[in-house]
Amino acid sequence: MMLSVVTAKKRISLYLDEALKSDLERLAKIRKRSLSNLIEVLCEEELERARNNGELKDA
């Protein structure tokens, strides 16, 4: 049975090395998150770091 999820979030494709994917899945399980949500949070944290150090300036 396929469920349709309505969300404003955009879907992307991501290619990962098998070992990296495995480690991310383990971390997601430890943090009680889905793999997708963990990757989103990690991206948000990295963008915040880039903004704070001046690497990425908001327009």
C-alpha atoms as a PDB file:
ATOM      1  CA  MET A   1       0.000   0.000   0.000  1.00  0.00           C
ATOM      2  CA  MET A   2       1.524   3.316  -1.124  1.00  0.00           C
ATOM      3  CA  LEU A   3       0.753   6.400   0.961  1.00  0.00           C
ATOM      4  CA  SER A   4       0.917   9.860  -0.516  1.00  0.00           C
ATOM      5  CA  VAL A   5       2.553  12.486   1.692  1.00  0.00           C
ATOM      6  CA  VAL A   6       1.669  16.129   1.127  1.00  0.00           C
ATOM      7  CA  THR A   7       4.551  18.440   1.992  1.00  0.00           C
ATOM      8  CA  ALA A   8       5.970  21.779   0.944  1.00  0.00           C
ATOM      9  CA  LYS A   9       9.471  20.288   1.048  1.00  0.00           C
ATOM     10  CA  LYS A  10      11.298  19.563  -2.200  1.00  0.00           C
ATOM     11  CA  ARG A  11      12.536  16.098  -3.084  1.00  0.00           C
ATOM     12  CA  ILE A  12      16.150  15.599  -4.167  1.00  0.00           C
ATOM     13  CA  SER A  13      18.204  12.605  -5.235  1.00  0.00           C
ATOM     14  CA  LEU A  14      21.415  11.930  -3.373  1.00  0.00           C
ATOM     15  CA  TYR A  15      24.195   9.485  -4.150  1.00  0.00           C
ATOM     16  CA  LEU A  16      26.185   8.269  -1.140  1.00  0.00           C
ATOM     17  CA  ASP A  17      29.008   5.844  -0.599  1.00  0.00           C
ATOM     18  CA  GLU A  18      27.587   2.673   1.004  1.00  0.00           C
ATOM     19  CA  ALA A  19      29.700   3.099   4.174  1.00  0.00           C
ATOM     20  CA  LEU A  20      28.569   6.717   4.596  1.00  0.00           C
ATOM     21  CA  LYS A  21      24.927   5.728   4.110  1.00  0.00           C
ATOM     22  CA  SER A  22      25.289   2.928   6.645  1.00  0.00           C
ATOM     23  CA  ASP A  23      26.816   5.262   9.246  1.00  0.00           C
ATOM     24  CA  LEU A  24      24.117   7.880   8.651  1.00  0.00           C
ATOM     25  CA  GLU A  25      21.407   5.237   9.070  1.00  0.00           C
ATOM     26  CA  ARG A  26      22.972   4.137  12.363  1.00  0.00           C
ATOM     27  CA  LEU A  27      23.159   7.737  13.590  1.00  0.00           C
ATOM     28  CA  ALA A  28      19.562   8.394  12.540  1.00  0.00           C
ATOM     29  CA  LYS A  29      18.421   5.357  14.525  1.00  0.00           C
ATOM     30  CA  ILE A  30      20.365   6.473  17.609  1.00  0.00           C
ATOM     31  CA  ARG A  31      18.856   9.970  17.349  1.00  0.00           C
ATOM     32  CA  LYS A  32      15.380   8.534  16.649  1.00  0.00           C
ATOM     33  CA  ARG A  33      15.111  10.309  13.304  1.00  0.00           C
ATOM     34  CA  SER A  34      14.497   9.186   9.767  1.00  0.00           C
ATOM     35  CA  LEU A  35      17.502   9.192   7.473  1.00  0.00           C
ATOM     36  CA  SER A  36      15.937  12.007   5.463  1.00  0.00           C
ATOM     37  CA  ASN A  37      15.315  14.121   8.562  1.00  0.00           C
ATOM     38  CA  LEU A  38      18.845  13.530   9.870  1.00  0.00           C
ATOM     39  CA  ILE A  39      20.349  14.681   6.561  1.00  0.00           C
ATOM     40  CA  GLU A  40      18.100  17.766   6.593  1.00  0.00           C
ATOM     41  CA  VAL A  41      19.179  18.664  10.149  1.00  0.00           C
ATOM     42  CA  LEU A  42      22.866  18.142   9.308  1.00  0.00           C
ATOM     43  CA  CYS A  43      22.497  20.436   6.286  1.00  0.00           C
ATOM     44  CA  GLU A  44      20.765  23.101   8.390  1.00  0.00           C
ATOM     45  CA  GLU A  45      23.558  22.928  10.990  1.00  0.00           C
ATOM     46  CA  GLU A  46      26.257  23.263   8.323  1.00  0.00           C
ATOM     47  CA  LEU A  47      24.498  26.224   6.697  1.00  0.00           C
ATOM     48  CA  GLU A  48      24.224  27.937  10.086  1.00  0.00           C
ATOM     49  CA  ARG A  49      27.965  27.379  10.636  1.00  0.00           C
ATOM     50  CA  ALA A  50      28.703  28.832   7.179  1.00  0.00           C
ATOM     51  CA  ARG A  51      26.560  31.895   7.916  1.00  0.00           C
ATOM     52  CA  ASN A  52      28.198  32.419  11.322  1.00  0.00           C
ATOM     53  CA  ASN A  53      31.737  32.312   9.933  1.00  0.00           C
ATOM     54  CA  GLY A  54      30.918  34.607   7.016  1.00  0.00           C
ATOM     55  CA  GLU A  55      31.350  31.942   4.357  1.00  0.00           C
ATOM     56  CA  LEU A  56      27.689  32.260   3.364  1.00  0.00           C
ATOM     57  CA  LYS A  57      26.139  35.670   3.557  1.00  0.00           C
ATOM     58  CA  ASP A  58      22.372  36.092   3.397  1.00  0.00           C
ATOM     59  CA  ALA A  59      21.146  38.438   0.668  1.00  0.00           C
END
